[in-house]
Structures are given as structure tokens and as C-alpha cells.
């Protein structure tokens, strides 16, 4: 068995696992951990727990220590400096007339690296910008281009439901979304109605997709013959949420009936005549 602890570095960011190194930790504790990019400040979101050693793919990096008040205060100072860095970078982008949209700036734990996130319609030659930024901030500077979904996650906003965007609130990773999900939920295939702020298909299409598939498997398919209390009918539709079936009787009348009140007719294969 091995002990792990889950740490998150950003709100709604991905959870990374570390070796707690025998340090007593609980959820919401701030910790300093060793990562591939150096020391970082994170927050415990999954308390230390035992897992099978075979479930750990790579050796875990350790938690260095619980964060001290000075660590958190310094991180807050860097947050304030990020606003200034964002403003200065924006001015340089305008000066160099670069086709890029600046999104956010982020210092690492000790301030030795400053990362700017941006979006652009195509690749951007930002070598001159990088030189100017390194000269201006006297630290290692990185520029990272992100896609539409990550751009929206960084900026934030509100969805068509009126609530804060899922990606900035709680979604730590983006799940694949397909137009097939919209079809299975009988949604209008209008891009304006099934697309999010980012211009991509709504992430929430995945939330109930599995449930819709399970409920639809219970319902008879369109065109199928069924027996009802009013006689034999043909299925013309259905409501998975209500578990009702819309049928058309031989009299052309249409009824919406609970699934429990219909019987699917079994199709019998024609009998073959025995050869004498």
C-alpha cells in the first residue's frame, strides 16, 4: 500500500497526487509541493489515503511542508503583481501589433517564472515580445497559447442557464462532447442553442447523456407495433424523462401512454412448410 494526497493549484483545476511524506494534512490545508516545474503552492482537496501501490503509475513527488503564513502572503503579493504584468504585456502586444488576445498572467511559487496565457486564431511569432518581457520583468518568461475552452475557463462568465460557467466553477477536465449526445437527448441541432460561451458544444451535454441512453433503451423504437388498452398501435415518439410512449392507433388517434401500459408485439418469423 502507498499513501497519497490530492492537491489542486487553481480553482476548478486538475487534481494532482503527491506523497504526503508523513506530514499530517487535512482538506483545505495549503501546502508547498515539489513539481516538475519546481516548488509550487497548492491546496489539499483530497485528504491522505491509502491506495494500492500498483495503482500509482509513476513515483510520486513529495509534499515539502505545510505552507507558512509567509508563503500565503507572498503568493498574494505575486497575485497583485500579475495584474501589473498583464497590463504591461498588453501594452507591448499593442506596440508590436501582434494578432493575439492576452488572457492572464501567472507567477510561480518563488517568482522565478512568469507565464502569460493568450489565444490567437493562428500561430504567432512572439520572439520579440518574449525578449521585451524578459528585459522588463527580469525573470524567466513563458508565453502559452490556449484553445477556446481553456480561454473561457480562464476568463470566466455565465452560461445560458444563468449560473457561473461549469469550467471555471468545478470542471477540472474537459470531457469529449459530440453532436450525437444532443441527438440522443432530442435537442434541436441548432449550433446557437447547443453551443457554450466558448463556441464549442455545451459541456453539460455529457451530464445526463448516460441516463438518457439508459432510459431510451427501455422505450420501444419508432415504427414498432405495440398493444395498448385501446388496441394495436404504432410507436411515433416517446419521452425518456417521463417514461411515456406516443402511439398512433389504427383509428389515427394519437395517445401518450406510460411505458407500463403498453406491450411490445413480438414479430414471429413465417413458418416454413415441411417438404413431403
C-alpha atoms as a PDB file:
ATOM      1  CA  UNK A   1       0.000   0.000   0.000  1.00  0.00           C
ATOM      2  CA  UNK A   2       1.017   3.602  -0.602  1.00  0.00           C
ATOM      3  CA  UNK A   3      -0.289   6.866   0.845  1.00  0.00           C
ATOM      4  CA  UNK A   4      -1.330   9.737  -1.436  1.00  0.00           C
ATOM      5  CA  UNK A   5      -2.791  13.216  -1.029  1.00  0.00           C
ATOM      6  CA  UNK A   6      -4.713  15.186  -3.688  1.00  0.00           C
ATOM      7  CA  UNK A   7      -3.601  18.779  -4.311  1.00  0.00           C
ATOM      8  CA  UNK A   8      -5.108  21.439  -6.569  1.00  0.00           C
ATOM      9  CA  UNK A   9      -3.251  24.564  -7.701  1.00  0.00           C
ATOM     10  CA  UNK A  10      -6.152  26.505  -9.228  1.00  0.00           C
ATOM     11  CA  UNK A  11      -9.850  26.731  -8.618  1.00  0.00           C
ATOM     12  CA  UNK A  12     -11.525  24.013 -10.722  1.00  0.00           C
ATOM     13  CA  UNK A  13      -8.044  22.947 -11.787  1.00  0.00           C
ATOM     14  CA  UNK A  14      -6.865  19.383 -12.213  1.00  0.00           C
ATOM     15  CA  UNK A  15      -6.111  17.396  -9.033  1.00  0.00           C
ATOM     16  CA  UNK A  16      -2.533  16.107  -8.756  1.00  0.00           C
ATOM     17  CA  UNK A  17      -1.381  13.419  -6.361  1.00  0.00           C
ATOM     18  CA  UNK A  18       1.656  13.647  -4.092  1.00  0.00           C
ATOM     19  CA  UNK A  19       3.347  11.677  -1.348  1.00  0.00           C
ATOM     20  CA  UNK A  20       2.269  13.303   1.974  1.00  0.00           C
ATOM     21  CA  UNK A  21       5.695  12.334   3.413  1.00  0.00           C
ATOM     22  CA  UNK A  22       4.242  11.600   6.866  1.00  0.00           C
ATOM     23  CA  UNK A  23       3.020  15.180   7.230  1.00  0.00           C
ATOM     24  CA  UNK A  24      -0.382  15.410   8.939  1.00  0.00           C
ATOM     25  CA  UNK A  25      -2.686  17.045   6.398  1.00  0.00           C
ATOM     26  CA  UNK A  26      -6.396  17.689   6.025  1.00  0.00           C
ATOM     27  CA  UNK A  27      -8.649  19.131   3.332  1.00  0.00           C
ATOM     28  CA  UNK A  28      -8.184  22.917   2.781  1.00  0.00           C
ATOM     29  CA  UNK A  29      -4.603  22.935   4.105  1.00  0.00           C
ATOM     30  CA  UNK A  30      -2.180  24.902   1.947  1.00  0.00           C
ATOM     31  CA  UNK A  31       0.995  23.012   1.111  1.00  0.00           C
ATOM     32  CA  UNK A  32       4.279  23.545  -0.680  1.00  0.00           C
ATOM     33  CA  UNK A  33       4.970  20.662  -3.054  1.00  0.00           C
ATOM     34  CA  UNK A  34       7.753  19.692  -5.410  1.00  0.00           C
ATOM     35  CA  UNK A  35       6.700  19.502  -9.087  1.00  0.00           C
ATOM     36  CA  UNK A  36       8.498  19.098 -12.413  1.00  0.00           C
ATOM     37  CA  UNK A  37       8.484  22.903 -12.646  1.00  0.00           C
ATOM     38  CA  UNK A  38       9.914  23.447  -9.168  1.00  0.00           C
ATOM     39  CA  UNK A  39       8.201  24.320  -5.891  1.00  0.00           C
ATOM     40  CA  UNK A  40       4.522  25.253  -6.086  1.00  0.00           C
ATOM     41  CA  UNK A  41       1.856  26.327  -3.591  1.00  0.00           C
ATOM     42  CA  UNK A  42      -1.338  24.274  -3.644  1.00  0.00           C
ATOM     43  CA  UNK A  43      -4.346  23.341  -1.536  1.00  0.00           C
ATOM     44  CA  UNK A  44      -5.285  19.893  -0.271  1.00  0.00           C
ATOM     45  CA  UNK A  45      -8.615  18.750  -1.765  1.00  0.00           C
ATOM     46  CA  UNK A  46      -8.293  15.020  -1.036  1.00  0.00           C
ATOM     47  CA  UNK A  47      -7.058  14.044   2.426  1.00  0.00           C
ATOM     48  CA  UNK A  48      -4.236  11.487   2.680  1.00  0.00           C
ATOM     49  CA  UNK A  49      -5.454   7.964   1.972  1.00  0.00           C
ATOM     50  CA  UNK A  50      -4.055   4.509   1.324  1.00  0.00           C
ATOM     51  CA  UNK A  51      -4.129   3.067  -2.212  1.00  0.00           C
ATOM     52  CA  UNK A  52      -2.630   0.005  -3.833  1.00  0.00           C
ATOM     53  CA  UNK A  53       0.938   0.619  -4.943  1.00  0.00           C
ATOM     54  CA  UNK A  54       0.025  -0.892  -8.329  1.00  0.00           C
ATOM     55  CA  UNK A  55      -2.424   1.981  -8.923  1.00  0.00           C
ATOM     56  CA  UNK A  56       0.392   4.546  -8.887  1.00  0.00           C
ATOM     57  CA  UNK A  57       1.827   4.890 -12.391  1.00  0.00           C
ATOM     58  CA  UNK A  58       4.910   6.951 -11.587  1.00  0.00           C
ATOM     59  CA  UNK A  59       6.816   7.695  -8.362  1.00  0.00           C
ATOM     60  CA  UNK A  60       5.017  10.472  -6.513  1.00  0.00           C
ATOM     61  CA  UNK A  61       6.791  13.696  -5.718  1.00  0.00           C
ATOM     62  CA  UNK A  62       6.645  14.663  -2.042  1.00  0.00           C
ATOM     63  CA  UNK A  63       4.866  17.377  -0.112  1.00  0.00           C
ATOM     64  CA  UNK A  64       7.711  19.562   1.142  1.00  0.00           C
ATOM     65  CA  UNK A  65       5.840  21.161   4.035  1.00  0.00           C
ATOM     66  CA  UNK A  66       2.645  22.818   5.160  1.00  0.00           C
ATOM     67  CA  UNK A  67       2.502  26.360   3.864  1.00  0.00           C
ATOM     68  CA  UNK A  68       3.504  29.030   6.361  1.00  0.00           C
ATOM     69  CA  UNK A  69       1.607  32.354   6.641  1.00  0.00           C
ATOM     70  CA  UNK A  70       4.600  33.971   4.903  1.00  0.00           C
ATOM     71  CA  UNK A  71       4.156  31.632   1.917  1.00  0.00           C
ATOM     72  CA  UNK A  72       0.499  32.558   1.506  1.00  0.00           C
ATOM     73  CA  UNK A  73       1.266  36.269   1.950  1.00  0.00           C
ATOM     74  CA  UNK A  74       3.975  36.099  -0.698  1.00  0.00           C
ATOM     75  CA  UNK A  75       1.606  34.284  -3.079  1.00  0.00           C
ATOM     76  CA  UNK A  76      -0.910  37.113  -2.589  1.00  0.00           C
ATOM     77  CA  UNK A  77       1.757  39.690  -3.421  1.00  0.00           C
ATOM     78  CA  UNK A  78       2.538  37.829  -6.640  1.00  0.00           C
ATOM     79  CA  UNK A  79      -1.184  37.861  -7.463  1.00  0.00           C
ATOM     80  CA  UNK A  80      -1.161  41.646  -7.225  1.00  0.00           C
ATOM     81  CA  UNK A  81       1.984  41.815  -9.368  1.00  0.00           C
ATOM     82  CA  UNK A  82       0.254  39.674 -12.012  1.00  0.00           C
ATOM     83  CA  UNK A  83      -2.223  42.484 -12.682  1.00  0.00           C
ATOM     84  CA  UNK A  84       0.625  44.894 -13.396  1.00  0.00           C
ATOM     85  CA  UNK A  85       2.376  42.295 -15.561  1.00  0.00           C
ATOM     86  CA  UNK A  86      -0.814  41.760 -17.555  1.00  0.00           C
ATOM     87  CA  UNK A  87      -1.151  45.475 -18.196  1.00  0.00           C
ATOM     88  CA  UNK A  88       2.480  45.872 -19.293  1.00  0.00           C
ATOM     89  CA  UNK A  89       2.291  42.856 -21.587  1.00  0.00           C
ATOM     90  CA  UNK A  90      -0.907  44.214 -23.154  1.00  0.00           C
ATOM     91  CA  UNK A  91       0.858  47.476 -23.983  1.00  0.00           C
ATOM     92  CA  UNK A  92       3.759  45.629 -25.623  1.00  0.00           C
ATOM     93  CA  UNK A  93       1.377  43.487 -27.693  1.00  0.00           C
ATOM     94  CA  UNK A  94      -0.340  46.633 -28.951  1.00  0.00           C
ATOM     95  CA  UNK A  95       3.028  48.278 -29.658  1.00  0.00           C
ATOM     96  CA  UNK A  96       4.257  45.275 -31.668  1.00  0.00           C
ATOM     97  CA  UNK A  97       0.844  44.914 -33.338  1.00  0.00           C
ATOM     98  CA  UNK A  98       0.653  41.181 -32.634  1.00  0.00           C
ATOM     99  CA  UNK A  99      -2.589  39.280 -33.505  1.00  0.00           C
ATOM    100  CA  UNK A 100      -3.087  37.742 -30.068  1.00  0.00           C
ATOM    101  CA  UNK A 101      -5.565  38.109 -27.211  1.00  0.00           C
ATOM    102  CA  UNK A 102      -3.938  38.287 -23.783  1.00  0.00           C
ATOM    103  CA  UNK A 103      -5.870  36.332 -21.147  1.00  0.00           C
ATOM    104  CA  UNK A 104      -3.960  36.097 -17.865  1.00  0.00           C
ATOM    105  CA  UNK A 105      -0.552  36.183 -16.179  1.00  0.00           C
ATOM    106  CA  UNK A 106       0.761  33.815 -13.535  1.00  0.00           C
ATOM    107  CA  UNK A 107       3.870  33.778 -11.327  1.00  0.00           C
ATOM    108  CA  UNK A 108       5.168  30.506  -9.913  1.00  0.00           C
ATOM    109  CA  UNK A 109       5.761  29.984  -6.175  1.00  0.00           C
ATOM    110  CA  UNK A 110       9.113  31.770  -5.871  1.00  0.00           C
ATOM    111  CA  UNK A 111       8.604  34.319  -8.650  1.00  0.00           C
ATOM    112  CA  UNK A 112      11.356  32.841 -10.819  1.00  0.00           C
ATOM    113  CA  UNK A 113       8.948  32.245 -13.718  1.00  0.00           C
ATOM    114  CA  UNK A 114       6.172  34.389 -15.191  1.00  0.00           C
ATOM    115  CA  UNK A 115       3.719  32.761 -17.620  1.00  0.00           C
ATOM    116  CA  UNK A 116       1.363  34.659 -19.916  1.00  0.00           C
ATOM    117  CA  UNK A 117      -1.640  32.858 -21.408  1.00  0.00           C
ATOM    118  CA  UNK A 118      -3.099  34.052 -24.700  1.00  0.00           C
ATOM    119  CA  UNK A 119      -5.367  32.953 -27.526  1.00  0.00           C
ATOM    120  CA  UNK A 120      -4.938  33.538 -31.241  1.00  0.00           C
ATOM    121  CA  UNK A 121      -6.535  32.423 -34.494  1.00  0.00           C
ATOM    122  CA  UNK A 122      -3.186  31.065 -35.729  1.00  0.00           C
ATOM    123  CA  UNK A 123       0.425  30.671 -34.690  1.00  0.00           C
ATOM    124  CA  UNK A 124       2.089  33.907 -33.558  1.00  0.00           C
ATOM    125  CA  UNK A 125       5.752  34.841 -33.817  1.00  0.00           C
ATOM    126  CA  UNK A 126       6.222  36.329 -30.349  1.00  0.00           C
ATOM    127  CA  UNK A 127      10.020  36.128 -30.111  1.00  0.00           C
ATOM    128  CA  UNK A 128      10.454  39.900 -29.950  1.00  0.00           C
ATOM    129  CA  UNK A 129       7.683  40.165 -27.353  1.00  0.00           C
ATOM    130  CA  UNK A 130       9.413  37.486 -25.274  1.00  0.00           C
ATOM    131  CA  UNK A 131      12.687  39.416 -25.325  1.00  0.00           C
ATOM    132  CA  UNK A 132      10.953  42.637 -24.292  1.00  0.00           C
ATOM    133  CA  UNK A 133       9.103  40.910 -21.444  1.00  0.00           C
ATOM    134  CA  UNK A 134      12.239  39.217 -20.098  1.00  0.00           C
ATOM    135  CA  UNK A 135      14.032  42.584 -20.158  1.00  0.00           C
ATOM    136  CA  UNK A 136      11.100  44.300 -18.445  1.00  0.00           C
ATOM    137  CA  UNK A 137      10.451  41.783 -15.625  1.00  0.00           C
ATOM    138  CA  UNK A 138      13.983  40.424 -15.105  1.00  0.00           C
ATOM    139  CA  UNK A 139      12.739  36.840 -14.770  1.00  0.00           C
ATOM    140  CA  UNK A 140      12.097  33.785 -16.906  1.00  0.00           C
ATOM    141  CA  UNK A 141       9.046  34.437 -19.104  1.00  0.00           C
ATOM    142  CA  UNK A 142       6.839  31.921 -20.915  1.00  0.00           C
ATOM    143  CA  UNK A 143       4.025  32.557 -23.405  1.00  0.00           C
ATOM    144  CA  UNK A 144       1.412  29.828 -23.700  1.00  0.00           C
ATOM    145  CA  UNK A 145      -1.307  29.696 -26.354  1.00  0.00           C
ATOM    146  CA  UNK A 146      -4.591  28.050 -25.298  1.00  0.00           C
ATOM    147  CA  UNK A 147      -7.712  26.857 -27.115  1.00  0.00           C
ATOM    148  CA  UNK A 148     -11.303  28.192 -26.915  1.00  0.00           C
ATOM    149  CA  UNK A 149     -12.354  26.034 -23.956  1.00  0.00           C
ATOM    150  CA  UNK A 150      -9.294  26.922 -21.873  1.00  0.00           C
ATOM    151  CA  UNK A 151      -9.710  30.584 -22.824  1.00  0.00           C
ATOM    152  CA  UNK A 152     -13.256  30.582 -21.456  1.00  0.00           C
ATOM    153  CA  UNK A 153     -12.114  28.770 -18.300  1.00  0.00           C
ATOM    154  CA  UNK A 154      -9.500  31.471 -17.682  1.00  0.00           C
ATOM    155  CA  UNK A 155     -11.819  34.421 -18.345  1.00  0.00           C
ATOM    156  CA  UNK A 156     -14.982  33.030 -16.745  1.00  0.00           C
ATOM    157  CA  UNK A 157     -18.537  34.255 -17.198  1.00  0.00           C
ATOM    158  CA  UNK A 158     -22.102  32.950 -17.076  1.00  0.00           C
ATOM    159  CA  UNK A 159     -23.816  30.258 -19.116  1.00  0.00           C
ATOM    160  CA  UNK A 160     -27.224  30.330 -20.787  1.00  0.00           C
ATOM    161  CA  UNK A 161     -28.587  28.760 -17.562  1.00  0.00           C
ATOM    162  CA  UNK A 162     -27.681  31.948 -15.681  1.00  0.00           C
ATOM    163  CA  UNK A 163     -25.108  30.222 -13.465  1.00  0.00           C
ATOM    164  CA  UNK A 164     -21.296  30.676 -13.449  1.00  0.00           C
ATOM    165  CA  UNK A 165     -19.641  28.596 -16.146  1.00  0.00           C
ATOM    166  CA  UNK A 166     -19.055  24.962 -15.153  1.00  0.00           C
ATOM    167  CA  UNK A 167     -15.479  25.038 -16.467  1.00  0.00           C
ATOM    168  CA  UNK A 168     -14.493  27.830 -14.078  1.00  0.00           C
ATOM    169  CA  UNK A 169     -16.577  26.525 -11.159  1.00  0.00           C
ATOM    170  CA  UNK A 170     -15.903  22.807 -10.793  1.00  0.00           C
ATOM    171  CA  UNK A 171     -14.891  21.045 -14.022  1.00  0.00           C
ATOM    172  CA  UNK A 172     -11.263  20.033 -13.597  1.00  0.00           C
ATOM    173  CA  UNK A 173     -11.004  18.387 -17.019  1.00  0.00           C
ATOM    174  CA  UNK A 174     -12.887  18.711 -20.302  1.00  0.00           C
ATOM    175  CA  UNK A 175     -14.771  15.569 -21.324  1.00  0.00           C
ATOM    176  CA  UNK A 176     -15.302  14.814 -25.037  1.00  0.00           C
ATOM    177  CA  UNK A 177     -18.660  16.163 -26.283  1.00  0.00           C
ATOM    178  CA  UNK A 178     -20.302  15.042 -29.521  1.00  0.00           C
ATOM    179  CA  UNK A 179     -23.323  16.046 -31.600  1.00  0.00           C
ATOM    180  CA  UNK A 180     -24.603  12.500 -31.028  1.00  0.00           C
ATOM    181  CA  UNK A 181     -25.227  13.426 -27.379  1.00  0.00           C
ATOM    182  CA  UNK A 182     -27.522  16.265 -28.447  1.00  0.00           C
ATOM    183  CA  UNK A 183     -29.401  13.903 -30.776  1.00  0.00           C
ATOM    184  CA  UNK A 184     -29.905  11.267 -28.075  1.00  0.00           C
ATOM    185  CA  UNK A 185     -31.390  13.961 -25.799  1.00  0.00           C
ATOM    186  CA  UNK A 186     -33.741  15.152 -28.573  1.00  0.00           C
ATOM    187  CA  UNK A 187     -32.252  18.648 -28.528  1.00  0.00           C
ATOM    188  CA  UNK A 188     -32.518  20.983 -31.530  1.00  0.00           C
ATOM    189  CA  UNK A 189     -29.387  20.644 -33.650  1.00  0.00           C
ATOM    190  CA  UNK A 190     -29.028  24.409 -33.850  1.00  0.00           C
ATOM    191  CA  UNK A 191     -25.419  25.464 -33.070  1.00  0.00           C
ATOM    192  CA  UNK A 192     -26.698  28.626 -31.380  1.00  0.00           C
ATOM    193  CA  UNK A 193     -28.739  26.562 -28.908  1.00  0.00           C
ATOM    194  CA  UNK A 194     -26.296  23.759 -28.074  1.00  0.00           C
ATOM    195  CA  UNK A 195     -23.036  25.735 -28.003  1.00  0.00           C
ATOM    196  CA  UNK A 196     -21.473  27.395 -24.978  1.00  0.00           C
ATOM    197  CA  UNK A 197     -19.741  30.736 -24.488  1.00  0.00           C
ATOM    198  CA  UNK A 198     -16.570  29.198 -25.933  1.00  0.00           C
ATOM    199  CA  UNK A 199     -18.329  28.410 -29.212  1.00  0.00           C
ATOM    200  CA  UNK A 200     -17.955  24.667 -28.670  1.00  0.00           C
ATOM    201  CA  UNK A 201     -20.681  22.151 -27.775  1.00  0.00           C
ATOM    202  CA  UNK A 202     -22.042  22.610 -24.241  1.00  0.00           C
ATOM    203  CA  UNK A 203     -20.129  20.615 -21.618  1.00  0.00           C
ATOM    204  CA  UNK A 204     -23.413  19.899 -19.840  1.00  0.00           C
ATOM    205  CA  UNK A 205     -24.493  17.656 -22.735  1.00  0.00           C
ATOM    206  CA  UNK A 206     -22.380  14.970 -21.063  1.00  0.00           C
ATOM    207  CA  UNK A 207     -24.062  15.237 -17.659  1.00  0.00           C
ATOM    208  CA  UNK A 208     -27.276  13.347 -18.478  1.00  0.00           C
ATOM    209  CA  UNK A 209     -26.166  11.542 -21.629  1.00  0.00           C
ATOM    210  CA  UNK A 210     -25.667   8.195 -19.918  1.00  0.00           C
ATOM    211  CA  UNK A 211     -29.043   8.455 -18.180  1.00  0.00           C
ATOM    212  CA  UNK A 212     -30.806   9.332 -21.441  1.00  0.00           C
ATOM    213  CA  UNK A 213     -29.235   6.329 -23.153  1.00  0.00           C
ATOM    214  CA  UNK A 214     -30.338   4.013 -20.345  1.00  0.00           C
ATOM    215  CA  UNK A 215     -33.906   5.369 -20.385  1.00  0.00           C
ATOM    216  CA  UNK A 216     -34.173   5.225 -24.180  1.00  0.00           C
ATOM    217  CA  UNK A 217     -33.213   1.564 -24.166  1.00  0.00           C
ATOM    218  CA  UNK A 218     -36.403   0.876 -22.202  1.00  0.00           C
ATOM    219  CA  UNK A 219     -38.633   2.607 -24.772  1.00  0.00           C
ATOM    220  CA  UNK A 220     -39.800   0.920 -27.986  1.00  0.00           C
ATOM    221  CA  UNK A 221     -38.424   2.359 -31.217  1.00  0.00           C
ATOM    222  CA  UNK A 222     -40.409   4.487 -33.657  1.00  0.00           C
ATOM    223  CA  UNK A 223     -42.446   2.380 -36.064  1.00  0.00           C
ATOM    224  CA  UNK A 224     -42.656  -0.550 -33.665  1.00  0.00           C
ATOM    225  CA  UNK A 225     -46.064  -2.213 -33.202  1.00  0.00           C
ATOM    226  CA  UNK A 226     -47.403  -2.334 -29.649  1.00  0.00           C
ATOM    227  CA  UNK A 227     -50.559  -3.429 -27.863  1.00  0.00           C
ATOM    228  CA  UNK A 228     -52.499  -0.971 -25.699  1.00  0.00           C
ATOM    229  CA  UNK A 229     -55.796  -0.993 -23.823  1.00  0.00           C
ATOM    230  CA  UNK A 230     -57.257   0.894 -26.793  1.00  0.00           C
ATOM    231  CA  UNK A 231     -55.986  -1.583 -29.342  1.00  0.00           C
ATOM    232  CA  UNK A 232     -52.951  -2.196 -31.527  1.00  0.00           C
ATOM    233  CA  UNK A 233     -50.884   0.931 -32.249  1.00  0.00           C
ATOM    234  CA  UNK A 234     -47.650   2.130 -33.825  1.00  0.00           C
ATOM    235  CA  UNK A 235     -44.973   3.991 -31.859  1.00  0.00           C
ATOM    236  CA  UNK A 236     -44.433   7.525 -33.192  1.00  0.00           C
ATOM    237  CA  UNK A 237     -42.416   9.022 -30.335  1.00  0.00           C
ATOM    238  CA  UNK A 238     -41.555   8.926 -26.659  1.00  0.00           C
ATOM    239  CA  UNK A 239     -40.462  10.889 -23.617  1.00  0.00           C
ATOM    240  CA  UNK A 240     -37.485   9.253 -21.818  1.00  0.00           C
ATOM    241  CA  UNK A 241     -37.776  11.530 -18.783  1.00  0.00           C
ATOM    242  CA  UNK A 242     -41.458  10.745 -18.199  1.00  0.00           C
ATOM    243  CA  UNK A 243     -41.050   7.153 -19.454  1.00  0.00           C
ATOM    244  CA  UNK A 244     -44.069   7.584 -21.717  1.00  0.00           C
ATOM    245  CA  UNK A 245     -44.661   6.423 -25.282  1.00  0.00           C
ATOM    246  CA  UNK A 246     -46.520   8.334 -28.002  1.00  0.00           C
ATOM    247  CA  UNK A 247     -48.547   5.911 -30.148  1.00  0.00           C
ATOM    248  CA  UNK A 248     -50.920   6.164 -33.101  1.00  0.00           C
ATOM    249  CA  UNK A 249     -53.930   3.864 -33.101  1.00  0.00           C
ATOM    250  CA  UNK A 250     -55.420   2.313 -36.209  1.00  0.00           C
ATOM    251  CA  UNK A 251     -58.169   4.949 -35.924  1.00  0.00           C
ATOM    252  CA  UNK A 252     -55.403   7.587 -36.455  1.00  0.00           C
ATOM    253  CA  UNK A 253     -55.882   8.853 -32.891  1.00  0.00           C
ATOM    254  CA  UNK A 254     -52.659   9.659 -31.010  1.00  0.00           C
ATOM    255  CA  UNK A 255     -52.151   8.782 -27.340  1.00  0.00           C
ATOM    256  CA  UNK A 256     -49.340   9.317 -24.826  1.00  0.00           C
ATOM    257  CA  UNK A 257     -49.196   6.298 -22.542  1.00  0.00           C
ATOM    258  CA  UNK A 258     -46.948   5.216 -19.672  1.00  0.00           C
ATOM    259  CA  UNK A 259     -44.443   2.560 -20.695  1.00  0.00           C
ATOM    260  CA  UNK A 260     -46.053   0.178 -18.192  1.00  0.00           C
ATOM    261  CA  UNK A 261     -49.361   0.307 -20.096  1.00  0.00           C
ATOM    262  CA  UNK A 262     -48.091  -0.973 -23.442  1.00  0.00           C
ATOM    263  CA  UNK A 263     -46.893  -4.352 -24.632  1.00  0.00           C
ATOM    264  CA  UNK A 264     -44.427  -4.715 -27.449  1.00  0.00           C
ATOM    265  CA  UNK A 265     -45.659  -7.165 -30.079  1.00  0.00           C
ATOM    266  CA  UNK A 266     -43.222  -9.958 -30.883  1.00  0.00           C
ATOM    267  CA  UNK A 267     -42.504 -10.386 -34.540  1.00  0.00           C
ATOM    268  CA  UNK A 268     -42.822 -14.013 -35.469  1.00  0.00           C
ATOM    269  CA  UNK A 269     -40.892 -15.359 -38.398  1.00  0.00           C
ATOM    270  CA  UNK A 270     -43.058 -17.019 -41.094  1.00  0.00           C
ATOM    271  CA  UNK A 271     -43.413 -20.770 -40.721  1.00  0.00           C
ATOM    272  CA  UNK A 272     -41.754 -22.910 -43.368  1.00  0.00           C
ATOM    273  CA  UNK A 273     -43.781 -25.675 -44.970  1.00  0.00           C
ATOM    274  CA  UNK A 274     -42.415 -29.149 -44.425  1.00  0.00           C
ATOM    275  CA  UNK A 275     -41.386 -30.917 -47.558  1.00  0.00           C
ATOM    276  CA  UNK A 276     -43.112 -34.245 -48.069  1.00  0.00           C
END
